[in-house]
C-alpha atoms as a PDB file:
ATOM      1  CA  MET A   1     108.338  74.996  -2.862  1.00  0.00           C
ATOM      2  CA  ALA A   2     105.343  75.866  -0.649  1.00  0.00           C
ATOM      3  CA  VAL A   3     103.007  73.207   0.712  1.00  0.00           C
ATOM      4  CA  SER A   4      99.317  73.975   0.680  1.00  0.00           C
ATOM      5  CA  ILE A   5      97.328  73.015   3.802  1.00  0.00           C
ATOM      6  CA  SER A   6      93.592  73.252   3.609  1.00  0.00           C
ATOM      7  CA  ALA A   7      91.162  73.342   6.453  1.00  0.00           C
ATOM      8  CA  PRO A   8      87.917  71.958   5.078  1.00  0.00           C
ATOM      9  CA  LEU A   9      86.138  72.313   8.345  1.00  0.00           C
ATOM     10  CA  LEU A  10      86.854  76.015   8.533  1.00  0.00           C
ATOM     11  CA  HIS A  11      85.698  78.608   6.076  1.00  0.00           C
ATOM     12  CA  HIS A  12      89.081  80.323   5.850  1.00  0.00           C
ATOM     13  CA  ARG A  13      91.522  80.735   3.095  1.00  0.00           C
ATOM     14  CA  PRO A  14      94.218  78.041   2.816  1.00  0.00           C
ATOM     15  CA  ILE A  15      97.412  78.830   4.728  1.00  0.00           C
ATOM     16  CA  SER A  16     100.683  78.460   2.969  1.00  0.00           C
ATOM     17  CA  VAL A  17     103.561  77.160   5.163  1.00  0.00           C
ATOM     18  CA  SER A  18     107.136  76.944   3.968  1.00  0.00           C
ATOM     19  CA  PRO A  19     109.253  73.877   4.758  1.00  0.00           C
ATOM     20  CA  PHE A  20     111.270  75.971   7.227  1.00  0.00           C
ATOM     21  CA  GLN A  21     108.105  77.099   8.984  1.00  0.00           C
ATOM     22  CA  SER A  22     106.834  73.536   9.055  1.00  0.00           C
ATOM     23  CA  ARG A  23     109.975  72.284  10.783  1.00  0.00           C
ATOM     24  CA  PHE A  24     109.775  75.149  13.250  1.00  0.00           C
ATOM     25  CA  HIS A  25     106.149  74.364  13.952  1.00  0.00           C
ATOM     26  CA  HIS A  26     106.857  70.714  14.789  1.00  0.00           C
ATOM     27  CA  SER A  27     110.047  71.302  16.794  1.00  0.00           C
ATOM     28  CA  THR A  28     108.835  74.151  18.988  1.00  0.00           C
ATOM     29  CA  SER A  29     106.893  73.332  22.144  1.00  0.00           C
ATOM     30  CA  PHE A  30     104.750  75.964  23.704  1.00  0.00           C
ATOM     31  CA  PRO A  31     104.043  76.280  27.430  1.00  0.00           C
ATOM     32  CA  SER A  32     101.197  74.171  28.615  1.00  0.00           C
ATOM     33  CA  ARG A  33      98.149  75.683  30.194  1.00  0.00           C
ATOM     34  CA  ARG A  34      99.363  74.310  33.588  1.00  0.00           C
ATOM     35  CA  ALA A  35     102.646  76.148  33.225  1.00  0.00           C
ATOM     36  CA  LEU A  36     100.824  79.418  32.686  1.00  0.00           C
ATOM     37  CA  ILE A  37      99.044  79.176  36.059  1.00  0.00           C
ATOM     38  CA  PRO A  38     100.540  81.722  38.465  1.00  0.00           C
ATOM     39  CA  PHE A  39     102.925  80.356  41.254  1.00  0.00           C
ATOM     40  CA  GLN A  40     101.096  79.229  44.327  1.00  0.00           C
ATOM     41  CA  ASN A  41     102.706  79.232  47.852  1.00  0.00           C
ATOM     42  CA  PRO A  42     102.902  75.578  49.006  1.00  0.00           C
ATOM     43  CA  ASN A  43     102.286  76.774  52.534  1.00  0.00           C
ATOM     44  CA  PRO A  44      98.769  78.206  52.577  1.00  0.00           C
ATOM     45  CA  ASN A  45      99.419  79.588  56.099  1.00  0.00           C
ATOM     46  CA  PRO A  46     102.619  81.681  55.997  1.00  0.00           C
ATOM     47  CA  SER A  47     102.305  82.625  59.674  1.00  0.00           C
ATOM     48  CA  ARG A  48     102.582  79.008  60.837  1.00  0.00           C
ATOM     49  CA  PRO A  49     106.447  78.885  61.046  1.00  0.00           C
ATOM     50  CA  LEU A  50     106.411  82.100  63.021  1.00  0.00           C
ATOM     51  CA  LYS A  51     103.857  80.660  65.412  1.00  0.00           C
ATOM     52  CA  MET A  52     106.043  77.567  65.848  1.00  0.00           C
ATOM     53  CA  VAL A  53     109.094  79.710  66.659  1.00  0.00           C
ATOM     54  CA  VAL A  54     107.103  81.744  69.164  1.00  0.00           C
ATOM     55  CA  ALA A  55     105.728  78.581  70.771  1.00  0.00           C
ATOM     56  CA  HIS A  56     109.248  77.086  71.015  1.00  0.00           C
ATOM     57  CA  ALA A  57     110.609  80.281  72.563  1.00  0.00           C
ATOM     58  CA  GLY A  58     107.758  80.244  75.029  1.00  0.00           C
ATOM     59  CA  SER A  59     108.506  76.662  76.080  1.00  0.00           C
ATOM     60  CA  VAL A  60     112.210  77.477  76.524  1.00  0.00           C
ATOM     61  CA  HIS A  61     111.342  80.523  78.644  1.00  0.00           C
ATOM     62  CA  SER A  62     108.982  78.398  80.721  1.00  0.00           C
ATOM     63  CA  ALA A  63     111.683  75.741  81.265  1.00  0.00           C
ATOM     64  CA  VAL A  64     114.222  78.387  82.309  1.00  0.00           C
ATOM     65  CA  SER A  65     111.694  79.917  84.705  1.00  0.00           C
ATOM     66  CA  GLU A  66     111.009  76.521  86.274  1.00  0.00           C
ATOM     67  CA  ALA A  67     114.753  75.881  86.603  1.00  0.00           C
ATOM     68  CA  MET A  68     115.260  79.237  88.296  1.00  0.00           C
ATOM     69  CA  LYS A  69     112.447  78.511  90.736  1.00  0.00           C
ATOM     70  CA  LEU A  70     113.988  75.124  91.502  1.00  0.00           C
ATOM     71  CA  MET A  71     117.422  76.648  92.135  1.00  0.00           C
ATOM     72  CA  GLN A  72     115.873  79.170  94.538  1.00  0.00           C
ATOM     73  CA  SER A  73     114.117  76.503  96.600  1.00  0.00           C
ATOM     74  CA  SER A  74     114.126  77.331 100.291  1.00  0.00           C
ATOM     75  CA  PRO A  75     114.990  75.225 102.154  1.00  0.00           C
ATOM     76  CA  PRO A  76     117.276  73.597  99.556  1.00  0.00           C
ATOM     77  CA  THR A  77     116.341  70.206  98.112  1.00  0.00           C
ATOM     78  CA  TRP A  78     118.471  67.535  96.448  1.00  0.00           C
ATOM     79  CA  PRO A  79     117.206  68.475  92.935  1.00  0.00           C
ATOM     80  CA  SER A  80     117.885  72.171  93.570  1.00  0.00           C
ATOM     81  CA  ALA A  81     121.355  71.372  94.914  1.00  0.00           C
ATOM     82  CA  LEU A  82     122.221  69.193  91.912  1.00  0.00           C
ATOM     83  CA  LEU A  83     120.963  71.697  89.343  1.00  0.00           C
ATOM     84  CA  THR A  84     122.606  74.689  91.018  1.00  0.00           C
ATOM     85  CA  ASN A  85     125.928  72.889  91.295  1.00  0.00           C
ATOM     86  CA  LEU A  86     125.783  71.841  87.665  1.00  0.00           C
ATOM     87  CA  VAL A  87     125.246  75.425  86.520  1.00  0.00           C
ATOM     88  CA  ILE A  88     127.950  76.831  88.804  1.00  0.00           C
ATOM     89  CA  PHE A  89     130.474  74.149  87.874  1.00  0.00           C
ATOM     90  CA  VAL A  90     129.937  74.722  84.139  1.00  0.00           C
ATOM     91  CA  LEU A  91     130.327  78.485  84.516  1.00  0.00           C
ATOM     92  CA  GLY A  92     133.300  78.145  86.858  1.00  0.00           C
ATOM     93  CA  SER A  93     135.089  75.357  84.989  1.00  0.00           C
ATOM     94  CA  PRO A  94     138.124  77.545  84.032  1.00  0.00           C
ATOM     95  CA  ILE A  95     138.797  78.177  87.730  1.00  0.00           C
ATOM     96  CA  LEU A  96     138.114  74.577  88.739  1.00  0.00           C
ATOM     97  CA  VAL A  97     140.554  73.033  86.255  1.00  0.00           C
ATOM     98  CA  SER A  98     143.321  75.322  87.507  1.00  0.00           C
ATOM     99  CA  GLY A  99     143.124  73.876  91.014  1.00  0.00           C
ATOM    100  CA  LEU A 100     141.695  70.363  90.565  1.00  0.00           C
ATOM    101  CA  SER A 101     142.245  67.304  88.407  1.00  0.00           C
ATOM    102  CA  LEU A 102     139.228  65.909  86.559  1.00  0.00           C
ATOM    103  CA  PRO A 103     138.558  63.247  89.255  1.00  0.00           C
ATOM    104  CA  GLY A 104     139.068  66.011  91.812  1.00  0.00           C
ATOM    105  CA  ILE A 105     136.363  68.078  90.110  1.00  0.00           C
ATOM    106  CA  GLY A 106     134.016  65.099  90.401  1.00  0.00           C
ATOM    107  CA  ALA A 107     134.695  64.844  94.127  1.00  0.00           C
ATOM    108  CA  ALA A 108     134.270  68.610  94.498  1.00  0.00           C
ATOM    109  CA  PHE A 109     130.908  68.400  92.716  1.00  0.00           C
ATOM    110  CA  LEU A 110     129.676  65.892  95.287  1.00  0.00           C
ATOM    111  CA  LEU A 111     130.982  68.130  98.079  1.00  0.00           C
ATOM    112  CA  GLY A 112     129.277  71.186  96.578  1.00  0.00           C
ATOM    113  CA  THR A 113     125.970  69.354  96.186  1.00  0.00           C
ATOM    114  CA  LEU A 114     126.079  68.127  99.780  1.00  0.00           C
ATOM    115  CA  THR A 115     127.025  71.596 101.029  1.00  0.00           C
ATOM    116  CA  TRP A 116     124.210  73.326  99.136  1.00  0.00           C
ATOM    117  CA  ARG A 117     121.674  70.777 100.360  1.00  0.00           C
ATOM    118  CA  ALA A 118     122.777  71.178 103.979  1.00  0.00           C
ATOM    119  CA  PHE A 119     123.569  74.878 104.322  1.00  0.00           C
ATOM    120  CA  GLY A 120     122.322  76.533 101.124  1.00  0.00           C
ATOM    121  CA  PRO A 121     124.109  79.386  99.303  1.00  0.00           C
ATOM    122  CA  PRO A 122     126.057  80.663 102.374  1.00  0.00           C
ATOM    123  CA  GLY A 123     127.666  77.269 102.906  1.00  0.00           C
ATOM    124  CA  PHE A 124     128.509  76.995  99.232  1.00  0.00           C
ATOM    125  CA  ILE A 125     130.029  80.493  99.181  1.00  0.00           C
ATOM    126  CA  LEU A 126     132.162  79.564 102.176  1.00  0.00           C
ATOM    127  CA  VAL A 127     133.560  76.471 100.430  1.00  0.00           C
ATOM    128  CA  ALA A 128     134.105  78.432  97.193  1.00  0.00           C
ATOM    129  CA  THR A 129     136.028  81.109  99.122  1.00  0.00           C
ATOM    130  CA  TYR A 130     138.145  78.402 100.745  1.00  0.00           C
ATOM    131  CA  PHE A 131     138.898  76.864  97.340  1.00  0.00           C
ATOM    132  CA  ILE A 132     139.853  80.152  95.653  1.00  0.00           C
ATOM    133  CA  ILE A 133     142.168  81.324  98.453  1.00  0.00           C
ATOM    134  CA  GLY A 134     143.702  77.874  98.913  1.00  0.00           C
ATOM    135  CA  THR A 135     144.363  77.477  95.180  1.00  0.00           C
ATOM    136  CA  ALA A 136     145.932  80.934  94.949  1.00  0.00           C
ATOM    137  CA  ALA A 137     148.236  80.138  97.884  1.00  0.00           C
ATOM    138  CA  THR A 138     149.247  76.823  96.322  1.00  0.00           C
ATOM    139  CA  LYS A 139     150.243  78.591  93.076  1.00  0.00           C
ATOM    140  CA  LEU A 140     152.555  81.055  94.872  1.00  0.00           C
ATOM    141  CA  LYS A 141     156.127  80.781  93.517  1.00  0.00           C
ATOM    142  CA  MET A 142     155.315  77.405  91.974  1.00  0.00           C
ATOM    143  CA  ALA A 143     158.559  77.289  89.947  1.00  0.00           C
ATOM    144  CA  GLN A 144     160.656  77.946  93.058  1.00  0.00           C
ATOM    145  CA  LYS A 145     158.819  75.317  95.083  1.00  0.00           C
ATOM    146  CA  GLU A 146     159.172  72.781  92.250  1.00  0.00           C
ATOM    147  CA  ALA A 147     162.905  73.441  92.057  1.00  0.00           C
ATOM    148  CA  GLN A 148     163.178  72.844  95.820  1.00  0.00           C
ATOM    149  CA  GLY A 149     161.044  69.711  95.614  1.00  0.00           C
ATOM    150  CA  VAL A 150     158.368  71.008  98.009  1.00  0.00           C
ATOM    151  CA  ALA A 151     155.585  71.842  95.531  1.00  0.00           C
ATOM    152  CA  GLU A 152     152.268  70.007  95.345  1.00  0.00           C
ATOM    153  CA  LYS A 153     151.996  67.417  92.594  1.00  0.00           C
ATOM    154  CA  ARG A 154     150.425  68.191  89.190  1.00  0.00           C
ATOM    155  CA  LYS A 155     151.196  71.934  89.459  1.00  0.00           C
ATOM    156  CA  GLY A 156     149.026  72.112  92.555  1.00  0.00           C
ATOM    157  CA  ARG A 157     145.988  70.516  90.901  1.00  0.00           C
ATOM    158  CA  ARG A 158     144.566  68.393  93.700  1.00  0.00           C
ATOM    159  CA  GLY A 159     142.899  65.027  93.211  1.00  0.00           C
ATOM    160  CA  PRO A 160     139.863  63.375  94.847  1.00  0.00           C
ATOM    161  CA  ALA A 161     141.870  62.080  97.843  1.00  0.00           C
ATOM    162  CA  SER A 162     142.940  65.635  98.655  1.00  0.00           C
ATOM    163  CA  VAL A 163     139.362  66.924  98.274  1.00  0.00           C
ATOM    164  CA  ILE A 164     138.056  64.229 100.609  1.00  0.00           C
ATOM    165  CA  GLY A 165     140.901  64.766 103.071  1.00  0.00           C
ATOM    166  CA  SER A 166     140.138  68.482 103.176  1.00  0.00           C
ATOM    167  CA  SER A 167     136.377  68.171 103.561  1.00  0.00           C
ATOM    168  CA  ALA A 168     135.643  64.934 105.434  1.00  0.00           C
ATOM    169  CA  ALA A 169     134.773  66.620 108.745  1.00  0.00           C
ATOM    170  CA  GLY A 170     132.680  69.243 106.971  1.00  0.00           C
ATOM    171  CA  CYS A 171     130.805  66.521 105.074  1.00  0.00           C
ATOM    172  CA  VAL A 172     130.022  64.710 108.325  1.00  0.00           C
ATOM    173  CA  CYS A 173     128.614  67.922 109.803  1.00  0.00           C
ATOM    174  CA  ALA A 174     126.577  68.495 106.630  1.00  0.00           C
ATOM    175  CA  VAL A 175     125.091  64.982 106.759  1.00  0.00           C
ATOM    176  CA  LEU A 176     124.229  65.358 110.450  1.00  0.00           C
ATOM    177  CA  SER A 177     122.526  68.646 109.625  1.00  0.00           C
ATOM    178  CA  ILE A 178     120.530  67.169 106.722  1.00  0.00           C
ATOM    179  CA  PHE A 179     119.204  64.311 108.835  1.00  0.00           C
ATOM    180  CA  GLY A 180     118.474  66.684 111.693  1.00  0.00           C
ATOM    181  CA  LEU A 181     120.433  64.785 114.314  1.00  0.00           C
ATOM    182  CA  GLY A 182     119.804  66.492 117.630  1.00  0.00           C
ATOM    183  CA  GLY A 183     116.909  68.501 116.250  1.00  0.00           C
ATOM    184  CA  GLU A 184     116.778  72.222 115.616  1.00  0.00           C
ATOM    185  CA  ALA A 185     118.920  72.971 118.676  1.00  0.00           C
ATOM    186  CA  PHE A 186     121.916  71.192 117.139  1.00  0.00           C
ATOM    187  CA  TYR A 187     121.633  72.708 113.657  1.00  0.00           C
ATOM    188  CA  ARG A 188     123.851  75.640 114.658  1.00  0.00           C
ATOM    189  CA  VAL A 189     126.328  73.244 116.265  1.00  0.00           C
ATOM    190  CA  TRP A 190     126.749  71.278 113.036  1.00  0.00           C
ATOM    191  CA  LYS A 191     127.085  74.525 111.094  1.00  0.00           C
ATOM    192  CA  LEU A 192     129.811  75.716 113.476  1.00  0.00           C
ATOM    193  CA  GLY A 193     131.679  72.437 113.079  1.00  0.00           C
ATOM    194  CA  PHE A 194     131.368  72.716 109.299  1.00  0.00           C
ATOM    195  CA  ILE A 195     132.779  76.252 109.192  1.00  0.00           C
ATOM    196  CA  ALA A 196     135.526  75.495 111.731  1.00  0.00           C
ATOM    197  CA  SER A 197     136.739  72.548 109.642  1.00  0.00           C
ATOM    198  CA  PHE A 198     137.246  74.748 106.569  1.00  0.00           C
ATOM    199  CA  CYS A 199     138.826  77.542 108.626  1.00  0.00           C
ATOM    200  CA  THR A 200     141.270  74.948 109.936  1.00  0.00           C
ATOM    201  CA  LYS A 201     142.101  73.530 106.521  1.00  0.00           C
ATOM    202  CA  LEU A 202     142.481  76.930 104.871  1.00  0.00           C
ATOM    203  CA  SER A 203     144.790  78.082 107.659  1.00  0.00           C
ATOM    204  CA  ASP A 204     146.867  74.905 107.266  1.00  0.00           C
ATOM    205  CA  THR A 205     147.092  75.237 103.476  1.00  0.00           C
ATOM    206  CA  VAL A 206     147.968  78.938 103.466  1.00  0.00           C
ATOM    207  CA  SER A 207     150.529  78.660 106.281  1.00  0.00           C
ATOM    208  CA  SER A 208     152.230  75.736 104.547  1.00  0.00           C
ATOM    209  CA  GLU A 209     152.308  77.270 101.055  1.00  0.00           C
ATOM    210  CA  VAL A 210     153.296  80.766 102.186  1.00  0.00           C
ATOM    211  CA  GLY A 211     155.960  79.274 104.444  1.00  0.00           C
ATOM    212  CA  LYS A 212     157.435  77.285 101.542  1.00  0.00           C
ATOM    213  CA  ALA A 213     157.326  80.329  99.271  1.00  0.00           C
ATOM    214  CA  TYR A 214     158.376  83.162 101.601  1.00  0.00           C
ATOM    215  CA  GLY A 215     159.493  81.643 104.899  1.00  0.00           C
ATOM    216  CA  LYS A 216     163.022  82.785 105.702  1.00  0.00           C
ATOM    217  CA  THR A 217     163.550  80.310 108.529  1.00  0.00           C
ATOM    218  CA  THR A 218     161.535  77.185 109.316  1.00  0.00           C
ATOM    219  CA  TYR A 219     161.531  75.493 112.713  1.00  0.00           C
ATOM    220  CA  LEU A 220     160.513  72.006 113.752  1.00  0.00           C
ATOM    221  CA  VAL A 221     157.509  72.529 116.006  1.00  0.00           C
ATOM    222  CA  THR A 222     158.607  69.977 118.626  1.00  0.00           C
ATOM    223  CA  THR A 223     162.206  71.151 119.134  1.00  0.00           C
ATOM    224  CA  LEU A 224     162.299  74.593 117.458  1.00  0.00           C
ATOM    225  CA  LYS A 225     165.417  73.483 115.569  1.00  0.00           C
ATOM    226  CA  VAL A 226     165.966  75.044 112.154  1.00  0.00           C
ATOM    227  CA  VAL A 227     165.022  72.597 109.394  1.00  0.00           C
ATOM    228  CA  PRO A 228     164.697  72.821 105.585  1.00  0.00           C
ATOM    229  CA  ARG A 229     161.495  74.134 104.004  1.00  0.00           C
ATOM    230  CA  GLY A 230     158.877  71.489 103.425  1.00  0.00           C
ATOM    231  CA  THR A 231     159.924  69.350 106.382  1.00  0.00           C
ATOM    232  CA  GLU A 232     156.962  67.614 108.004  1.00  0.00           C
ATOM    233  CA  GLY A 233     156.058  69.442 111.194  1.00  0.00           C
ATOM    234  CA  ALA A 234     158.029  72.565 110.263  1.00  0.00           C
ATOM    235  CA  VAL A 235     156.604  76.050 110.793  1.00  0.00           C
ATOM    236  CA  SER A 236     157.688  79.572 109.903  1.00  0.00           C
ATOM    237  CA  VAL A 237     156.746  82.987 111.229  1.00  0.00           C
ATOM    238  CA  GLU A 238     155.575  84.144 107.782  1.00  0.00           C
ATOM    239  CA  GLY A 239     153.473  81.057 107.201  1.00  0.00           C
ATOM    240  CA  THR A 240     151.947  81.093 110.675  1.00  0.00           C
ATOM    241  CA  ILE A 241     150.837  84.715 110.358  1.00  0.00           C
ATOM    242  CA  ALA A 242     149.419  84.093 106.868  1.00  0.00           C
ATOM    243  CA  GLY A 243     147.496  81.043 108.097  1.00  0.00           C
ATOM    244  CA  LEU A 244     146.046  82.992 111.021  1.00  0.00           C
ATOM    245  CA  LEU A 245     144.865  85.765 108.685  1.00  0.00           C
ATOM    246  CA  ALA A 246     143.338  83.233 106.256  1.00  0.00           C
ATOM    247  CA  SER A 247     141.381  81.582 109.040  1.00  0.00           C
ATOM    248  CA  PHE A 248     140.200  84.958 110.308  1.00  0.00           C
ATOM    249  CA  LEU A 249     139.113  85.971 106.784  1.00  0.00           C
ATOM    250  CA  LEU A 250     136.996  82.854 106.277  1.00  0.00           C
ATOM    251  CA  ALA A 251     135.381  83.196 109.699  1.00  0.00           C
ATOM    252  CA  PHE A 252     134.726  86.878 108.965  1.00  0.00           C
ATOM    253  CA  VAL A 253     133.012  85.973 105.655  1.00  0.00           C
ATOM    254  CA  SER A 254     130.737  83.546 107.533  1.00  0.00           C
ATOM    255  CA  CYS A 255     129.998  86.242 110.089  1.00  0.00           C
ATOM    256  CA  LEU A 256     129.084  88.733 107.349  1.00  0.00           C
ATOM    257  CA  MET A 257     126.651  86.227 105.848  1.00  0.00           C
ATOM    258  CA  GLY A 258     124.985  85.775 109.241  1.00  0.00           C
ATOM    259  CA  GLU A 259     126.106  82.166 109.604  1.00  0.00           C
ATOM    260  CA  LEU A 260     128.124  82.857 112.744  1.00  0.00           C
ATOM    261  CA  GLY A 261     128.031  85.321 115.583  1.00  0.00           C
ATOM    262  CA  ALA A 262     131.171  87.270 116.478  1.00  0.00           C
ATOM    263  CA  ALA A 263     131.947  84.970 119.423  1.00  0.00           C
ATOM    264  CA  GLU A 264     131.552  81.849 117.246  1.00  0.00           C
ATOM    265  CA  ALA A 265     133.806  83.359 114.573  1.00  0.00           C
ATOM    266  CA  ILE A 266     136.531  83.885 117.177  1.00  0.00           C
ATOM    267  CA  ILE A 267     136.034  80.312 118.365  1.00  0.00           C
ATOM    268  CA  CYS A 268     136.607  79.060 114.795  1.00  0.00           C
ATOM    269  CA  VAL A 269     139.865  81.007 114.509  1.00  0.00           C
ATOM    270  CA  ILE A 270     141.192  79.784 117.881  1.00  0.00           C
ATOM    271  CA  ALA A 271     140.177  76.182 117.188  1.00  0.00           C
ATOM    272  CA  SER A 272     141.879  76.257 113.789  1.00  0.00           C
ATOM    273  CA  GLN A 273     145.179  77.389 115.280  1.00  0.00           C
ATOM    274  CA  ILE A 274     145.095  74.764 118.032  1.00  0.00           C
ATOM    275  CA  ALA A 275     144.327  72.066 115.451  1.00  0.00           C
ATOM    276  CA  ASN A 276     147.154  73.225 113.190  1.00  0.00           C
ATOM    277  CA  VAL A 277     149.667  73.023 116.047  1.00  0.00           C
ATOM    278  CA  GLY A 278     148.412  69.490 116.729  1.00  0.00           C
ATOM    279  CA  GLU A 279     148.750  68.621 113.047  1.00  0.00           C
ATOM    280  CA  SER A 280     152.337  69.914 113.003  1.00  0.00           C
ATOM    281  CA  ILE A 281     153.195  67.790 116.056  1.00  0.00           C
ATOM    282  CA  ILE A 282     151.724  64.693 114.378  1.00  0.00           C
ATOM    283  CA  GLY A 283     153.717  65.463 111.247  1.00  0.00           C
ATOM    284  CA  ALA A 284     156.970  65.939 113.184  1.00  0.00           C
ATOM    285  CA  VAL A 285     156.602  62.913 115.465  1.00  0.00           C
ATOM    286  CA  LEU A 286     154.783  60.269 113.425  1.00  0.00           C
ATOM    287  CA  GLN A 287     154.470  61.075 109.721  1.00  0.00           C
ATOM    288  CA  GLU A 288     156.858  59.178 107.437  1.00  0.00           C
ATOM    289  CA  LYS A 289     158.198  57.230 110.427  1.00  0.00           C
ATOM    290  CA  GLU A 290     158.531  53.457 110.556  1.00  0.00           C
ATOM    291  CA  GLY A 291     155.168  51.865 111.305  1.00  0.00           C
ATOM    292  CA  PHE A 292     153.265  54.975 110.275  1.00  0.00           C
ATOM    293  CA  ARG A 293     153.666  54.874 106.480  1.00  0.00           C
ATOM    294  CA  TRP A 294     149.885  54.901 106.219  1.00  0.00           C
ATOM    295  CA  LEU A 295     149.867  58.336 107.838  1.00  0.00           C
ATOM    296  CA  ASN A 296     150.103  60.306 104.586  1.00  0.00           C
ATOM    297  CA  ASN A 297     149.088  63.922 103.969  1.00  0.00           C
ATOM    298  CA  ASP A 298     145.455  63.072 103.232  1.00  0.00           C
ATOM    299  CA  VAL A 299     145.052  61.108 106.475  1.00  0.00           C
ATOM    300  CA  VAL A 300     146.750  63.889 108.448  1.00  0.00           C
ATOM    301  CA  ASN A 301     144.412  66.395 106.798  1.00  0.00           C
ATOM    302  CA  ILE A 302     141.381  64.426 107.990  1.00  0.00           C
ATOM    303  CA  ILE A 303     142.788  64.357 111.533  1.00  0.00           C
ATOM    304  CA  ASN A 304     143.576  68.064 111.351  1.00  0.00           C
ATOM    305  CA  ILE A 305     140.153  69.281 110.238  1.00  0.00           C
ATOM    306  CA  SER A 306     138.409  66.857 112.578  1.00  0.00           C
ATOM    307  CA  MET A 307     140.345  68.349 115.480  1.00  0.00           C
ATOM    308  CA  GLY A 308     139.428  71.872 114.394  1.00  0.00           C
ATOM    309  CA  SER A 309     135.750  70.983 114.109  1.00  0.00           C
ATOM    310  CA  ILE A 310     135.561  69.096 117.435  1.00  0.00           C
ATOM    311  CA  ILE A 311     137.518  71.750 119.352  1.00  0.00           C
ATOM    312  CA  ALA A 312     135.237  74.499 118.029  1.00  0.00           C
ATOM    313  CA  VAL A 313     132.086  72.608 119.020  1.00  0.00           C
ATOM    314  CA  LEU A 314     133.436  71.883 122.511  1.00  0.00           C
ATOM    315  CA  MET A 315     134.514  75.506 122.980  1.00  0.00           C
ATOM    316  CA  GLN A 316     131.087  76.715 121.876  1.00  0.00           C
ATOM    317  CA  GLN A 317     129.316  74.382 124.283  1.00  0.00           C
ATOM    318  CA  VAL A 318     131.456  75.513 127.213  1.00  0.00           C
ATOM    319  CA  ALA A 319     131.248  79.213 126.337  1.00  0.00           C
ATOM    320  CA  PHE A 320     127.495  79.306 125.815  1.00  0.00           C
ATOM    321  CA  ARG A 321     126.696  77.210 128.876  1.00  0.00           C
ATOM    322  CA  ASN A 322     128.518  79.713 131.039  1.00  0.00           C
END
């Protein structure tokens, strides 16, 4: 039955609404006027995020530019040395972990920072060349050397004591250079001592590792008697030749970079060989003997490279005075 609804205030005919239509009318909600307003972007300035990205990129580019300028500081500074070493060590970490333990990497970082501060990129390249060649020689026939009991510990990954023992003389020369001991006239002397120390150590490392890997016959340096591989103070023809070539290569690299003259490069090679003979004599006569247990490989290394550095400086002083 239809329900009649009148609208007395309007002059229109009454509207008839069925019960079904009435229920529909009360149950249906229509969109409000607010809902019909078109969507508005909450960000009235759509270019603002883009401007923020551009500004951020600009600040990053500026920071990188400042870092590059710092790394290229000439002469080197402590901040430039630290930053440059950090970048190089991060990029070269796969190579570093193959030749050094984690504490050894820490010691090498200090050595690299000191080297960069004292002698700049050429000095750092010299030490990096020493490390790469020395590590490669240590890895030669590692399984064979392990089976014979003559291999370096930890698969040849050297620790901080080995790093210090291999670089102590070079670090002293670097410190003397930084503090300008002796003035400008002695700067080249300290640089020569620095390079000679690493020529000496590389020659010692290569001769020892090549001798243990490929040496057919090893002789005790004091008596020339045949002894087993790995004996302290033992030398071989193969190892001696390899060590001489390694020393020559490192001195040649320094010469190419303009760090040494030809005469000084030859001095480094000669000094390294004299020091290595002295180191072999110490190893044969004193090392591992009663009363000299403290004379381990790291201490002998310090003596060895110190001899190489001092001999080179003395030879240079005599040669250039005459």
